[in-house]
Amino acid sequence: MSFRLYKIIKAMADLVAVLACVYAIGEGADPTLSAGFAAVIVVGWEAVEVVAVLSDLQREDIEALRDETHPDEK
């Protein structure tokens, strides 16, 4: 599967999740719960990967990275 096809499928799944959320709210579902489920689907594994990577970094590594990217902000 190409990256472009993956992105198209992901966008379609995100759109379906948001439409399902709107439909569920219209049918009387709890808006917070429905929006929460839609947010989990839209954000997906990318957020889990970011949290996993950031949890492996030490505070010093994060500060060093910030100093490298923005040396004038100290």
C-alpha atoms as a PDB file:
ATOM      1  CA  MET A   1       0.000   0.000   0.000  1.00  0.00           C
ATOM      2  CA  SER A   2       1.400   3.384  -0.941  1.00  0.00           C
ATOM      3  CA  PHE A   3       1.609   6.294   1.460  1.00  0.00           C
ATOM      4  CA  ARG A   4      -0.859   8.266  -0.634  1.00  0.00           C
ATOM      5  CA  LEU A   5      -3.436   5.475  -0.430  1.00  0.00           C
ATOM      6  CA  TYR A   6      -2.898   5.260   3.347  1.00  0.00           C
ATOM      7  CA  LYS A   7      -3.528   8.996   3.703  1.00  0.00           C
ATOM      8  CA  ILE A   8      -6.712   8.766   1.601  1.00  0.00           C
ATOM      9  CA  ILE A   9      -8.039   5.862   3.693  1.00  0.00           C
ATOM     10  CA  LYS A  10      -7.147   7.699   6.927  1.00  0.00           C
ATOM     11  CA  ALA A  11      -8.937  10.858   5.747  1.00  0.00           C
ATOM     12  CA  MET A  12     -12.031   8.846   4.818  1.00  0.00           C
ATOM     13  CA  ALA A  13     -12.050   7.112   8.211  1.00  0.00           C
ATOM     14  CA  ASP A  14     -11.724  10.487   9.953  1.00  0.00           C
ATOM     15  CA  LEU A  15     -14.626  11.885   7.947  1.00  0.00           C
ATOM     16  CA  VAL A  16     -16.803   8.856   8.740  1.00  0.00           C
ATOM     17  CA  ALA A  17     -15.968   9.165  12.447  1.00  0.00           C
ATOM     18  CA  VAL A  18     -16.971  12.819  12.561  1.00  0.00           C
ATOM     19  CA  LEU A  19     -20.170  12.165  10.614  1.00  0.00           C
ATOM     20  CA  ALA A  20     -21.006   9.270  12.937  1.00  0.00           C
ATOM     21  CA  CYS A  21     -20.444  11.578  15.908  1.00  0.00           C
ATOM     22  CA  VAL A  22     -22.805  14.202  14.488  1.00  0.00           C
ATOM     23  CA  TYR A  23     -25.410  11.535  13.715  1.00  0.00           C
ATOM     24  CA  ALA A  24     -25.132  10.010  17.202  1.00  0.00           C
ATOM     25  CA  ILE A  25     -25.554  13.396  18.850  1.00  0.00           C
ATOM     26  CA  GLY A  26     -28.573  14.062  16.638  1.00  0.00           C
ATOM     27  CA  GLU A  27     -30.092  10.765  17.779  1.00  0.00           C
ATOM     28  CA  GLY A  28     -29.674  11.713  21.438  1.00  0.00           C
ATOM     29  CA  ALA A  29     -26.289  10.304  22.428  1.00  0.00           C
ATOM     30  CA  ASP A  30     -24.173  12.062  25.025  1.00  0.00           C
ATOM     31  CA  PRO A  31     -22.241  14.768  23.124  1.00  0.00           C
ATOM     32  CA  THR A  32     -19.121  14.527  25.274  1.00  0.00           C
ATOM     33  CA  LEU A  33     -18.865  10.775  24.894  1.00  0.00           C
ATOM     34  CA  SER A  34     -19.574  10.901  21.160  1.00  0.00           C
ATOM     35  CA  ALA A  35     -17.039  13.660  20.541  1.00  0.00           C
ATOM     36  CA  GLY A  36     -14.511  11.793  22.682  1.00  0.00           C
ATOM     37  CA  PHE A  37     -14.832   8.648  20.596  1.00  0.00           C
ATOM     38  CA  ALA A  38     -14.556  10.674  17.388  1.00  0.00           C
ATOM     39  CA  ALA A  39     -11.460  12.448  18.730  1.00  0.00           C
ATOM     40  CA  VAL A  40      -9.793   9.135  19.573  1.00  0.00           C
ATOM     41  CA  ILE A  41     -10.453   7.852  16.058  1.00  0.00           C
ATOM     42  CA  VAL A  42      -9.294  11.061  14.363  1.00  0.00           C
ATOM     43  CA  VAL A  43      -6.149  11.469  16.460  1.00  0.00           C
ATOM     44  CA  GLY A  44      -5.409   7.761  16.202  1.00  0.00           C
ATOM     45  CA  TRP A  45      -2.085   6.065  16.739  1.00  0.00           C
ATOM     46  CA  GLU A  46      -0.117   9.180  15.913  1.00  0.00           C
ATOM     47  CA  ALA A  47      -0.828  10.572  19.380  1.00  0.00           C
ATOM     48  CA  VAL A  48       0.130   7.272  21.023  1.00  0.00           C
ATOM     49  CA  GLU A  49       3.431   7.317  19.123  1.00  0.00           C
ATOM     50  CA  VAL A  50       4.144  10.899  20.187  1.00  0.00           C
ATOM     51  CA  VAL A  51       3.456  10.091  23.838  1.00  0.00           C
ATOM     52  CA  ALA A  52       5.651   6.983  23.649  1.00  0.00           C
ATOM     53  CA  VAL A  53       8.543   8.878  22.086  1.00  0.00           C
ATOM     54  CA  LEU A  54       8.287  11.783  24.505  1.00  0.00           C
ATOM     55  CA  SER A  55       8.143   9.446  27.493  1.00  0.00           C
ATOM     56  CA  ASP A  56      11.486   7.960  26.433  1.00  0.00           C
ATOM     57  CA  LEU A  57      13.182  11.336  26.277  1.00  0.00           C
ATOM     58  CA  GLN A  58      14.799  12.757  29.362  1.00  0.00           C
ATOM     59  CA  ARG A  59      14.155  16.350  30.397  1.00  0.00           C
ATOM     60  CA  GLU A  60      17.732  17.254  29.518  1.00  0.00           C
ATOM     61  CA  ASP A  61      17.270  15.851  26.010  1.00  0.00           C
ATOM     62  CA  ILE A  62      14.172  17.960  25.495  1.00  0.00           C
ATOM     63  CA  GLU A  63      15.938  21.097  26.749  1.00  0.00           C
ATOM     64  CA  ALA A  64      18.957  20.374  24.531  1.00  0.00           C
ATOM     65  CA  LEU A  65      16.683  19.914  21.528  1.00  0.00           C
ATOM     66  CA  ARG A  66      14.910  23.182  22.275  1.00  0.00           C
ATOM     67  CA  ASP A  67      18.270  24.983  22.607  1.00  0.00           C
ATOM     68  CA  GLU A  68      19.394  23.581  19.251  1.00  0.00           C
ATOM     69  CA  THR A  69      16.248  24.684  17.439  1.00  0.00           C
ATOM     70  CA  HIS A  70      15.877  28.059  19.216  1.00  0.00           C
ATOM     71  CA  PRO A  71      19.337  29.145  20.418  1.00  0.00           C
ATOM     72  CA  ASP A  72      18.258  32.757  21.062  1.00  0.00           C
ATOM     73  CA  GLU A  73      15.542  31.761  23.576  1.00  0.00           C
ATOM     74  CA  LYS A  74      17.306  31.036  26.871  1.00  0.00           C
END
